[in-house]
N, C-alpha and C. Protein backbone atom coordinates (compact mmCIF):
# COMPACT_ATOMS: atom_id res chain seq x y z
N MET A 1 42.54 -18.43 4.92
CA MET A 1 41.13 -18.54 4.91
C MET A 1 40.39 -18.65 3.47
N GLU A 2 39.87 -19.69 3.29
CA GLU A 2 39.03 -19.85 1.83
C GLU A 2 38.18 -18.72 1.48
N ASP A 3 37.97 -18.66 0.14
CA ASP A 3 37.18 -17.68 -0.17
C ASP A 3 35.74 -17.63 0.26
N THR A 4 35.34 -18.94 0.23
CA THR A 4 33.93 -19.12 0.60
C THR A 4 33.57 -18.79 2.10
N GLN A 5 34.58 -19.04 3.00
CA GLN A 5 34.57 -18.54 4.55
C GLN A 5 34.58 -17.21 4.57
N VAL A 6 35.36 -16.72 3.85
CA VAL A 6 35.40 -15.00 3.75
C VAL A 6 34.00 -14.46 3.37
N GLN A 7 33.58 -14.89 2.46
CA GLN A 7 32.26 -14.67 1.80
C GLN A 7 31.32 -14.73 3.03
N LYS A 8 31.08 -15.88 3.60
CA LYS A 8 30.28 -16.13 4.95
C LYS A 8 30.36 -14.96 5.79
N GLN A 9 31.72 -14.91 6.29
CA GLN A 9 31.94 -13.83 7.11
C GLN A 9 31.36 -12.57 6.88
N ILE A 10 31.75 -11.83 5.67
CA ILE A 10 31.35 -10.72 5.26
C ILE A 10 29.61 -10.79 5.39
N SER A 11 29.09 -11.69 4.74
CA SER A 11 27.59 -11.86 4.63
C SER A 11 27.20 -11.76 5.98
N LEU A 12 27.62 -12.50 6.95
CA LEU A 12 27.26 -12.34 8.41
C LEU A 12 27.21 -11.00 8.93
N ARG A 13 28.43 -10.55 8.60
CA ARG A 13 28.55 -8.82 9.27
C ARG A 13 27.28 -8.00 8.52
N ASN A 14 27.22 -8.27 7.23
CA ASN A 14 26.14 -7.17 6.46
C ASN A 14 24.73 -7.63 7.28
N ILE A 15 24.43 -8.79 7.22
CA ILE A 15 23.29 -9.23 8.03
C ILE A 15 23.06 -8.54 9.42
N LYS A 16 24.08 -8.59 10.17
CA LYS A 16 24.06 -7.91 11.49
C LYS A 16 24.06 -6.59 11.46
N LYS A 17 24.48 -6.09 10.49
CA LYS A 17 24.49 -4.61 10.31
C LYS A 17 23.24 -4.18 9.92
N MET A 18 22.63 -5.03 9.09
CA MET A 18 21.25 -4.43 8.49
C MET A 18 20.23 -4.79 9.38
N ALA A 19 20.50 -5.66 10.25
CA ALA A 19 19.19 -5.89 11.19
C ALA A 19 19.39 -4.77 12.36
N LEU A 20 20.47 -4.48 12.78
CA LEU A 20 20.46 -3.43 13.58
C LEU A 20 20.50 -2.15 13.31
N GLY A 21 20.74 -1.81 12.10
CA GLY A 21 20.46 -0.44 11.44
C GLY A 21 19.33 -0.26 10.48
N ASP A 22 18.52 -1.46 10.18
CA ASP A 22 17.66 -1.01 8.95
C ASP A 22 16.61 -2.05 9.13
N LEU A 23 15.42 -1.73 9.44
CA LEU A 23 14.42 -2.85 9.57
C LEU A 23 13.90 -3.50 8.19
N ARG A 24 14.32 -2.67 7.24
CA ARG A 24 13.78 -3.40 5.98
C ARG A 24 14.72 -4.40 5.40
N GLY A 25 15.72 -4.84 6.17
CA GLY A 25 16.55 -5.82 5.89
C GLY A 25 15.92 -7.14 6.38
N ILE A 26 15.07 -7.06 7.16
CA ILE A 26 14.28 -8.17 7.97
C ILE A 26 13.11 -8.38 7.29
N VAL A 27 12.34 -7.41 7.14
CA VAL A 27 10.83 -7.59 6.46
C VAL A 27 10.42 -7.52 5.25
N TYR A 28 11.67 -7.31 4.39
CA TYR A 28 11.22 -7.36 2.92
C TYR A 28 11.77 -8.66 2.45
N PRO A 29 11.14 -9.40 1.29
CA PRO A 29 10.13 -8.74 0.46
C PRO A 29 8.72 -8.53 1.07
N ARG A 30 7.98 -7.78 0.62
CA ARG A 30 6.43 -7.24 1.14
C ARG A 30 5.62 -7.32 0.03
N GLN A 31 4.30 -7.74 0.12
CA GLN A 31 3.37 -7.70 -0.89
C GLN A 31 2.81 -6.02 -1.03
N VAL A 32 2.72 -5.72 -2.36
CA VAL A 32 2.52 -4.32 -2.58
C VAL A 32 1.02 -4.30 -3.00
N VAL A 33 0.34 -3.22 -2.15
CA VAL A 33 -1.11 -3.10 -2.73
C VAL A 33 -1.30 -1.75 -3.01
N LEU A 34 -2.55 -1.39 -3.52
CA LEU A 34 -2.83 -0.10 -3.96
C LEU A 34 -4.01 0.25 -3.03
N ILE A 35 -3.69 1.34 -2.16
CA ILE A 35 -4.78 1.78 -1.28
C ILE A 35 -5.49 3.00 -2.13
N THR A 36 -6.87 2.94 -2.07
CA THR A 36 -7.62 3.85 -2.78
C THR A 36 -8.44 4.64 -1.62
N SER A 37 -8.82 5.97 -1.81
CA SER A 37 -9.39 6.65 -0.86
C SER A 37 -10.39 7.89 -1.46
N LYS A 38 -11.24 8.47 -0.92
CA LYS A 38 -12.13 9.45 -1.45
C LYS A 38 -12.66 10.41 -0.43
N ALA A 39 -12.63 11.70 -0.34
CA ALA A 39 -13.17 12.33 0.56
C ALA A 39 -13.04 13.87 0.07
N GLU A 40 -13.81 14.75 0.52
CA GLU A 40 -13.63 16.22 0.27
C GLU A 40 -12.49 16.67 0.51
N ALA A 41 -11.85 17.69 -0.15
CA ALA A 41 -10.45 17.97 0.23
C ALA A 41 -10.34 19.61 -0.31
N GLU A 42 -9.68 20.33 0.38
CA GLU A 42 -9.31 21.56 -0.07
C GLU A 42 -7.84 21.64 -0.75
N VAL A 43 -7.98 21.85 -1.98
CA VAL A 43 -6.65 22.05 -2.78
C VAL A 43 -6.48 23.42 -3.44
N MET A 44 -5.53 24.03 -3.05
CA MET A 44 -5.39 25.52 -3.54
C MET A 44 -6.39 26.24 -3.41
N GLY A 45 -6.94 26.26 -2.24
CA GLY A 45 -8.31 27.10 -1.93
C GLY A 45 -9.58 26.60 -2.41
N LYS A 46 -9.58 25.47 -3.24
CA LYS A 46 -10.73 24.89 -4.09
C LYS A 46 -11.18 23.67 -3.35
N ARG A 47 -12.46 23.72 -2.57
CA ARG A 47 -13.03 22.44 -2.10
C ARG A 47 -13.47 21.45 -3.22
N SER A 48 -13.17 20.11 -3.29
CA SER A 48 -14.04 19.44 -4.08
C SER A 48 -13.79 17.95 -3.68
N ILE A 49 -14.57 17.05 -4.16
CA ILE A 49 -14.38 15.55 -3.96
C ILE A 49 -13.32 15.17 -4.53
N ARG A 50 -12.40 14.53 -3.85
CA ARG A 50 -11.05 13.79 -4.55
C ARG A 50 -10.93 12.39 -4.34
N ASP A 51 -10.47 11.62 -5.35
CA ASP A 51 -10.17 10.33 -5.28
C ASP A 51 -8.80 10.29 -5.18
N ASP A 52 -8.14 9.26 -4.42
CA ASP A 52 -6.66 8.98 -4.57
C ASP A 52 -6.28 7.65 -4.62
N VAL A 53 -4.98 7.21 -5.01
CA VAL A 53 -4.38 5.95 -5.20
C VAL A 53 -2.96 6.11 -4.48
N MET A 54 -2.62 5.08 -3.58
CA MET A 54 -1.14 5.17 -3.17
C MET A 54 -0.91 3.50 -3.31
N ALA A 55 0.35 3.38 -3.35
CA ALA A 55 1.10 2.20 -3.45
C ALA A 55 1.76 2.04 -1.95
N ALA A 56 1.30 0.78 -1.26
CA ALA A 56 1.73 0.57 0.24
C ALA A 56 2.07 -0.99 0.37
N SER A 57 3.24 -1.18 0.97
CA SER A 57 3.89 -2.63 1.14
C SER A 57 3.45 -2.75 2.86
N TRP A 58 3.16 -1.86 3.51
CA TRP A 58 2.97 -1.73 4.90
C TRP A 58 1.53 -1.98 5.23
N HIS A 59 1.00 -3.30 5.24
CA HIS A 59 -0.44 -3.63 5.70
C HIS A 59 -0.44 -5.20 6.20
N THR A 60 -1.60 -5.47 6.95
CA THR A 60 -1.56 -6.52 7.46
C THR A 60 -3.11 -7.03 7.85
N PRO A 61 -3.49 -8.29 7.65
CA PRO A 61 -4.78 -8.69 8.39
C PRO A 61 -4.59 -8.52 9.91
N LEU A 62 -5.55 -8.49 10.61
CA LEU A 62 -5.28 -8.22 12.25
C LEU A 62 -6.40 -9.13 12.90
N SER A 63 -7.50 -9.52 12.22
CA SER A 63 -8.78 -10.29 12.90
C SER A 63 -9.51 -10.94 11.89
N PHE A 64 -10.01 -12.17 12.22
CA PHE A 64 -11.04 -12.94 11.26
C PHE A 64 -12.30 -12.63 11.72
N SER A 65 -12.56 -12.36 13.15
CA SER A 65 -13.86 -12.29 13.60
C SER A 65 -13.89 -11.12 14.66
N PRO A 66 -14.18 -10.03 14.47
CA PRO A 66 -14.92 -9.50 12.96
C PRO A 66 -13.45 -9.40 12.08
N GLN A 67 -13.77 -9.42 10.81
CA GLN A 67 -12.69 -9.07 9.81
C GLN A 67 -12.18 -7.73 9.87
N MET A 68 -10.83 -7.56 10.26
CA MET A 68 -10.13 -6.31 10.42
C MET A 68 -8.84 -6.32 9.63
N TYR A 69 -8.44 -5.27 9.07
CA TYR A 69 -7.25 -5.06 8.34
C TYR A 69 -6.68 -3.77 8.43
N ALA A 70 -5.31 -3.66 8.63
CA ALA A 70 -4.58 -2.43 8.88
C ALA A 70 -3.79 -1.94 7.62
N VAL A 71 -3.71 -0.72 7.44
CA VAL A 71 -2.80 -0.07 6.54
C VAL A 71 -2.11 0.93 6.99
N VAL A 72 -0.76 1.00 6.97
CA VAL A 72 0.30 2.05 7.48
C VAL A 72 0.30 3.26 6.13
N VAL A 73 -0.08 4.46 6.68
CA VAL A 73 0.16 5.52 5.81
C VAL A 73 0.88 6.72 6.39
N GLY A 74 1.97 7.23 5.83
CA GLY A 74 2.51 8.25 6.04
C GLY A 74 1.80 9.68 6.39
N LYS A 75 1.97 10.39 7.49
CA LYS A 75 1.28 11.51 7.94
C LYS A 75 1.19 12.84 6.76
N GLU A 76 2.24 12.68 5.97
CA GLU A 76 2.30 13.64 4.89
C GLU A 76 1.75 13.33 3.77
N ARG A 77 1.19 12.16 3.54
CA ARG A 77 0.54 11.73 2.30
C ARG A 77 -0.85 12.08 2.12
N PHE A 78 -1.10 12.65 0.83
CA PHE A 78 -2.73 12.93 0.65
C PHE A 78 -3.52 11.97 0.95
N THR A 79 -3.22 10.48 0.81
CA THR A 79 -4.02 9.29 1.23
C THR A 79 -4.55 9.62 2.77
N TYR A 80 -3.49 10.27 3.64
CA TYR A 80 -3.79 10.19 4.90
C TYR A 80 -4.87 11.19 5.07
N LYS A 81 -4.62 12.18 4.37
CA LYS A 81 -5.84 13.42 4.69
C LYS A 81 -7.15 12.63 4.30
N LEU A 82 -7.25 11.95 3.18
CA LEU A 82 -8.63 11.65 2.65
C LEU A 82 -9.11 10.68 3.53
N ILE A 83 -8.34 9.71 4.16
CA ILE A 83 -8.82 8.42 5.17
C ILE A 83 -9.06 9.08 6.19
N LYS A 84 -8.46 10.21 6.87
CA LYS A 84 -8.57 10.91 8.20
C LYS A 84 -10.04 11.49 7.94
N LYS A 85 -10.43 12.06 6.93
CA LYS A 85 -11.73 12.91 6.66
C LYS A 85 -12.87 11.81 6.48
N SER A 86 -12.73 10.95 5.45
CA SER A 86 -13.78 10.15 4.91
C SER A 86 -14.01 8.82 5.88
N ARG A 87 -13.02 8.42 6.66
CA ARG A 87 -13.08 7.43 7.57
C ARG A 87 -13.23 6.00 6.63
N VAL A 88 -12.74 5.80 5.78
CA VAL A 88 -12.81 4.62 4.80
C VAL A 88 -11.69 4.41 3.90
N PHE A 89 -11.48 3.38 3.45
CA PHE A 89 -10.48 3.08 2.57
C PHE A 89 -10.61 1.70 1.87
N CYS A 90 -9.91 1.28 0.70
CA CYS A 90 -10.12 0.31 -0.06
C CYS A 90 -8.74 -0.46 -0.34
N VAL A 91 -8.58 -1.54 0.06
CA VAL A 91 -7.16 -2.40 -0.15
C VAL A 91 -7.29 -2.93 -1.50
N ASN A 92 -6.66 -2.86 -2.41
CA ASN A 92 -6.52 -3.31 -3.89
C ASN A 92 -5.39 -4.30 -4.14
N PHE A 93 -5.56 -5.47 -3.98
CA PHE A 93 -4.40 -6.63 -4.20
C PHE A 93 -4.20 -6.62 -5.74
N ILE A 94 -3.12 -6.39 -6.26
CA ILE A 94 -2.64 -6.46 -7.73
C ILE A 94 -1.80 -7.50 -8.02
N PRO A 95 -1.80 -7.51 -9.35
CA PRO A 95 -0.83 -8.51 -10.06
C PRO A 95 0.47 -7.91 -10.23
N TYR A 96 1.50 -8.83 -10.59
CA TYR A 96 2.72 -8.23 -10.88
C TYR A 96 2.74 -7.34 -12.24
N SER A 97 1.76 -7.74 -13.18
CA SER A 97 1.57 -6.90 -14.56
C SER A 97 1.30 -5.51 -13.87
N MET A 98 1.04 -5.23 -13.07
CA MET A 98 0.70 -3.74 -12.56
C MET A 98 1.85 -3.11 -11.92
N GLU A 99 2.96 -3.53 -12.03
CA GLU A 99 4.03 -2.97 -11.41
C GLU A 99 4.28 -1.28 -11.74
N LYS A 100 4.14 -1.21 -13.03
CA LYS A 100 4.34 0.37 -13.44
C LYS A 100 3.13 1.37 -12.83
N THR A 101 2.00 0.61 -12.66
CA THR A 101 0.81 1.34 -11.94
C THR A 101 1.49 1.64 -10.51
N ALA A 102 1.77 0.51 -9.86
CA ALA A 102 2.25 0.76 -8.51
C ALA A 102 3.35 2.04 -8.43
N VAL A 103 4.24 1.77 -9.29
CA VAL A 103 5.49 2.75 -9.22
C VAL A 103 4.84 4.20 -9.40
N PHE A 104 3.95 4.34 -10.37
CA PHE A 104 3.39 5.88 -10.56
C PHE A 104 2.44 6.19 -9.39
N ALA A 105 1.65 5.26 -8.58
CA ALA A 105 0.74 5.66 -7.82
C ALA A 105 1.83 5.94 -6.50
N GLY A 106 2.91 5.38 -6.27
CA GLY A 106 3.79 5.57 -5.32
C GLY A 106 4.62 6.63 -5.24
N SER A 107 4.79 7.18 -6.56
CA SER A 107 5.90 8.25 -6.88
C SER A 107 5.45 9.35 -7.14
N ASN A 108 3.86 9.69 -7.06
CA ASN A 108 3.07 10.96 -7.29
C ASN A 108 2.17 11.27 -6.21
N SER A 109 2.03 12.52 -5.85
CA SER A 109 1.12 12.93 -4.98
C SER A 109 -0.38 13.14 -5.73
N GLY A 110 -1.45 12.65 -5.21
CA GLY A 110 -2.67 12.98 -5.64
C GLY A 110 -3.23 14.24 -5.53
N GLU A 111 -2.56 14.96 -4.60
CA GLU A 111 -3.01 16.25 -4.16
C GLU A 111 -3.13 17.24 -5.22
N HIS A 112 -2.11 17.30 -6.15
CA HIS A 112 -2.16 18.04 -7.18
C HIS A 112 -2.11 17.50 -8.68
N MET A 113 -2.70 16.45 -8.61
CA MET A 113 -2.96 15.66 -10.05
C MET A 113 -4.03 14.66 -9.63
N ASP A 114 -4.82 14.34 -10.86
CA ASP A 114 -5.60 13.26 -10.74
C ASP A 114 -4.85 11.95 -11.21
N LYS A 115 -4.47 11.24 -10.08
CA LYS A 115 -3.51 10.01 -10.54
C LYS A 115 -4.26 9.04 -11.51
N PHE A 116 -5.54 8.86 -11.28
CA PHE A 116 -6.12 7.92 -12.33
C PHE A 116 -6.12 8.48 -13.83
N LYS A 117 -6.42 9.86 -13.99
CA LYS A 117 -6.35 10.26 -15.38
C LYS A 117 -5.07 10.09 -15.97
N GLU A 118 -4.06 10.75 -15.21
CA GLU A 118 -2.81 10.84 -15.75
C GLU A 118 -2.11 9.50 -15.71
N GLY A 119 -2.38 8.56 -14.87
CA GLY A 119 -1.62 7.08 -14.86
C GLY A 119 -2.57 6.23 -15.69
N GLY A 120 -3.68 6.56 -16.47
CA GLY A 120 -4.59 5.58 -17.03
C GLY A 120 -5.14 4.40 -16.18
N ILE A 121 -5.31 4.89 -14.90
CA ILE A 121 -5.78 3.81 -13.99
C ILE A 121 -7.31 3.72 -13.96
N ILE A 122 -8.01 2.68 -14.26
CA ILE A 122 -9.36 2.56 -14.36
C ILE A 122 -9.92 2.02 -13.05
N PHE A 123 -11.01 2.49 -12.53
CA PHE A 123 -11.68 2.42 -11.13
C PHE A 123 -13.04 2.05 -11.53
N GLU A 124 -13.75 1.77 -10.42
CA GLU A 124 -15.13 1.64 -10.36
C GLU A 124 -15.50 1.80 -8.83
N GLU A 125 -16.80 2.16 -8.50
CA GLU A 125 -17.11 2.41 -7.19
C GLU A 125 -17.21 1.18 -6.27
N CYS A 126 -16.83 1.42 -5.00
CA CYS A 126 -17.21 0.40 -4.29
C CYS A 126 -18.52 0.05 -3.71
N GLU A 127 -18.96 -1.11 -3.36
CA GLU A 127 -20.37 -1.34 -3.10
C GLU A 127 -20.71 -0.93 -1.67
N LYS A 128 -19.90 -1.02 -0.83
CA LYS A 128 -20.48 -0.69 0.75
C LYS A 128 -19.92 0.57 1.22
N ILE A 129 -18.86 1.15 0.64
CA ILE A 129 -18.41 2.59 1.05
C ILE A 129 -18.32 3.54 0.14
N GLU A 130 -18.19 4.89 0.55
CA GLU A 130 -18.21 6.00 -0.41
C GLU A 130 -16.71 5.94 -0.81
N CYS A 131 -16.24 5.25 -1.75
CA CYS A 131 -14.78 5.09 -2.32
C CYS A 131 -14.60 4.45 -3.58
N ILE A 132 -13.41 4.38 -4.09
CA ILE A 132 -13.45 3.95 -5.28
C ILE A 132 -12.59 2.45 -5.19
N ARG A 133 -12.54 1.70 -6.21
CA ARG A 133 -11.65 0.57 -6.20
C ARG A 133 -11.23 0.35 -7.56
N LEU A 134 -10.12 -0.43 -7.86
CA LEU A 134 -9.34 -0.49 -9.21
C LEU A 134 -10.14 -1.64 -9.90
N LYS A 135 -10.62 -1.31 -10.99
CA LYS A 135 -11.21 -2.20 -11.85
C LYS A 135 -10.26 -3.62 -12.24
N ASP A 136 -9.07 -3.47 -12.35
CA ASP A 136 -8.29 -4.38 -12.56
C ASP A 136 -7.44 -5.10 -11.37
N CYS A 137 -7.99 -5.01 -10.29
CA CYS A 137 -7.45 -5.61 -9.11
C CYS A 137 -7.68 -7.08 -9.01
N LEU A 138 -6.80 -7.94 -8.26
CA LEU A 138 -7.17 -9.25 -8.09
C LEU A 138 -8.19 -9.43 -7.18
N ALA A 139 -8.13 -8.77 -6.17
CA ALA A 139 -8.87 -8.83 -5.07
C ALA A 139 -9.18 -7.52 -4.20
N PHE A 140 -10.17 -7.31 -3.21
CA PHE A 140 -10.16 -6.09 -2.69
C PHE A 140 -10.75 -6.32 -1.34
N LEU A 141 -10.51 -5.29 -0.59
CA LEU A 141 -11.14 -5.23 0.94
C LEU A 141 -11.90 -3.69 1.08
N GLU A 142 -12.85 -3.67 1.24
CA GLU A 142 -13.66 -2.22 1.51
C GLU A 142 -13.59 -2.31 3.01
N CYS A 143 -12.87 -1.18 3.46
CA CYS A 143 -12.72 -0.98 4.98
C CYS A 143 -13.35 0.25 5.61
N GLU A 144 -14.08 0.54 6.87
CA GLU A 144 -14.40 1.39 7.57
C GLU A 144 -13.54 1.40 8.58
N VAL A 145 -12.78 2.64 8.84
CA VAL A 145 -11.83 2.98 9.84
C VAL A 145 -12.80 2.88 11.50
N GLU A 146 -12.07 1.89 12.14
CA GLU A 146 -12.55 1.50 13.34
C GLU A 146 -11.60 2.28 14.45
N ASN A 147 -10.38 2.36 14.06
CA ASN A 147 -9.47 2.93 14.95
C ASN A 147 -8.14 3.35 14.25
N GLU A 148 -7.28 4.31 14.76
CA GLU A 148 -6.15 4.60 14.24
C GLU A 148 -5.00 4.67 15.23
N VAL A 149 -3.71 4.46 14.95
CA VAL A 149 -2.93 4.38 16.03
C VAL A 149 -1.67 5.10 15.54
N GLU A 150 -1.12 6.02 16.16
CA GLU A 150 0.03 6.92 16.11
C GLU A 150 1.14 5.99 15.97
N ALA A 151 2.11 5.81 14.99
CA ALA A 151 3.25 5.17 15.03
C ALA A 151 4.30 6.01 14.35
N GLY A 152 5.06 7.01 15.10
CA GLY A 152 6.14 7.89 14.51
C GLY A 152 5.50 8.77 13.52
N ASP A 153 6.12 8.67 12.45
CA ASP A 153 5.64 9.57 11.37
C ASP A 153 4.77 9.07 10.41
N HIS A 154 4.06 7.71 10.71
CA HIS A 154 3.04 6.99 10.30
C HIS A 154 1.81 6.97 11.11
N VAL A 155 0.76 6.60 10.48
CA VAL A 155 -0.52 5.99 11.32
C VAL A 155 -0.96 4.95 10.83
N ILE A 156 -1.40 4.21 11.78
CA ILE A 156 -1.93 2.75 11.24
C ILE A 156 -3.30 2.64 11.39
N PHE A 157 -4.00 2.71 10.14
CA PHE A 157 -5.40 3.01 10.31
C PHE A 157 -5.99 1.39 10.17
N ILE A 158 -6.80 0.88 11.30
CA ILE A 158 -7.47 -0.30 11.47
C ILE A 158 -8.70 -0.13 10.95
N GLY A 159 -9.00 -1.04 9.91
CA GLY A 159 -10.32 -0.91 9.15
C GLY A 159 -11.10 -2.17 9.40
N ARG A 160 -12.52 -2.10 9.59
CA ARG A 160 -13.42 -3.33 9.70
C ARG A 160 -13.69 -3.42 8.31
N VAL A 161 -13.62 -4.78 7.94
CA VAL A 161 -13.78 -5.30 6.28
C VAL A 161 -15.34 -5.27 6.19
N VAL A 162 -15.90 -4.39 5.52
CA VAL A 162 -17.47 -4.49 5.41
C VAL A 162 -17.76 -4.97 3.82
N ASN A 163 -16.69 -5.06 3.02
CA ASN A 163 -17.05 -6.03 1.68
C ASN A 163 -15.93 -6.32 1.32
N SER A 164 -15.77 -7.54 0.73
CA SER A 164 -14.54 -8.15 -0.01
C SER A 164 -14.79 -8.95 -1.12
N GLY A 165 -13.80 -9.21 -2.07
CA GLY A 165 -14.07 -10.08 -3.27
C GLY A 165 -12.76 -10.33 -3.88
N VAL A 166 -12.89 -11.69 -4.58
CA VAL A 166 -11.71 -12.02 -5.43
C VAL A 166 -12.42 -11.70 -6.61
N LYS A 167 -11.66 -11.08 -7.63
CA LYS A 167 -12.18 -10.78 -8.90
C LYS A 167 -11.36 -11.54 -10.04
N LYS A 168 -10.01 -12.04 -9.62
CA LYS A 168 -9.51 -12.83 -10.61
C LYS A 168 -8.31 -14.03 -9.69
N LYS A 169 -8.17 -14.99 -10.13
CA LYS A 169 -7.28 -15.75 -9.47
C LYS A 169 -5.92 -15.45 -10.06
N SER A 170 -4.84 -15.53 -9.19
CA SER A 170 -3.44 -15.27 -9.62
C SER A 170 -2.53 -15.31 -8.42
N ASN A 171 -1.58 -16.28 -8.57
CA ASN A 171 -0.52 -16.29 -7.62
C ASN A 171 0.69 -15.48 -7.80
N GLU A 172 0.39 -14.58 -9.07
CA GLU A 172 1.70 -13.66 -9.33
C GLU A 172 1.41 -12.36 -8.89
N ARG A 173 1.31 -12.20 -7.49
CA ARG A 173 1.16 -10.69 -7.16
C ARG A 173 2.51 -10.17 -7.03
N LEU A 174 2.24 -8.65 -6.68
CA LEU A 174 3.79 -7.79 -6.95
C LEU A 174 4.25 -7.55 -5.45
N PHE A 175 5.35 -7.93 -5.45
CA PHE A 175 6.19 -7.91 -4.28
C PHE A 175 7.30 -6.90 -4.45
N GLN A 176 7.41 -5.95 -3.30
CA GLN A 176 8.60 -5.27 -3.13
C GLN A 176 9.77 -5.67 -2.56
N LEU A 177 10.93 -5.61 -3.12
CA LEU A 177 12.06 -6.38 -2.85
C LEU A 177 13.07 -5.29 -2.17
N LEU A 178 13.93 -5.77 -1.45
CA LEU A 178 14.79 -4.86 -0.40
C LEU A 178 15.82 -4.25 -1.59
N GLN A 179 15.85 -2.92 -1.69
CA GLN A 179 16.58 -2.07 -2.52
C GLN A 179 16.45 -0.75 -2.05
N PRO A 180 17.71 0.08 -2.06
CA PRO A 180 17.56 1.34 -1.66
C PRO A 180 16.59 2.31 -2.89
N GLY A 181 15.95 2.97 -2.26
CA GLY A 181 14.97 3.54 -3.31
C GLY A 181 13.55 2.58 -3.39
N GLY A 182 13.48 1.61 -2.98
CA GLY A 182 12.26 0.66 -3.01
C GLY A 182 11.69 0.35 -4.33
N ARG A 183 12.68 0.47 -5.47
CA ARG A 183 11.96 0.37 -6.87
C ARG A 183 12.41 -1.04 -7.48
N LYS A 184 12.56 -1.98 -6.81
CA LYS A 184 12.79 -3.10 -7.38
C LYS A 184 11.69 -4.23 -6.83
N PHE A 185 11.10 -5.04 -7.96
CA PHE A 185 9.86 -5.77 -7.66
C PHE A 185 10.04 -7.25 -8.19
N GLY A 186 9.38 -7.99 -7.49
CA GLY A 186 9.36 -9.38 -8.02
C GLY A 186 8.04 -10.05 -7.95
N THR A 187 7.90 -11.49 -8.03
CA THR A 187 6.58 -12.07 -7.79
C THR A 187 6.87 -13.42 -7.22
N VAL A 188 5.88 -14.33 -6.71
CA VAL A 188 6.21 -15.69 -6.47
C VAL A 188 5.22 -16.36 -7.62
N LYS A 189 5.78 -17.47 -8.42
CA LYS A 189 5.27 -17.97 -9.28
C LYS A 189 4.65 -19.46 -8.71
């Protein structure tokens, strides 16, 4: 058997194994967004208004009329607690140049640190919801939670888009590639 035929057989076996054992092999690459949230939270016995940002690649548009958008958040995430309490979130579409910001936001919990201060992330207030958004985002969707769906260890927050905008035109958005640990990124030019 020729080397190329052997390579094809090995590749087909890996694809079948990946498809049966790991959904990521099918659905990646995925566009990375930063989800911002804000609510009163109790941390170490102290109540205060807290802002948070998390990286997410599990998100999708759901409806054009009315405009609806969904984000998927792990139940153990601080962002989950804030969205559950405030019933709002903002989806921030980011350029490839914000890869380090996405890794920082996705690797640290905002429960015990101010990710904006520690990560040098610049934000501004949303216009229609009590939340913040990234000043350097390409585009944003300000959403009010209409529904939430339990999905195993995650919750799908379904938001009605109450405000949106494009701040910068760019085709170089950040995409998460398939790799163990999820720390490999790319873009489409």
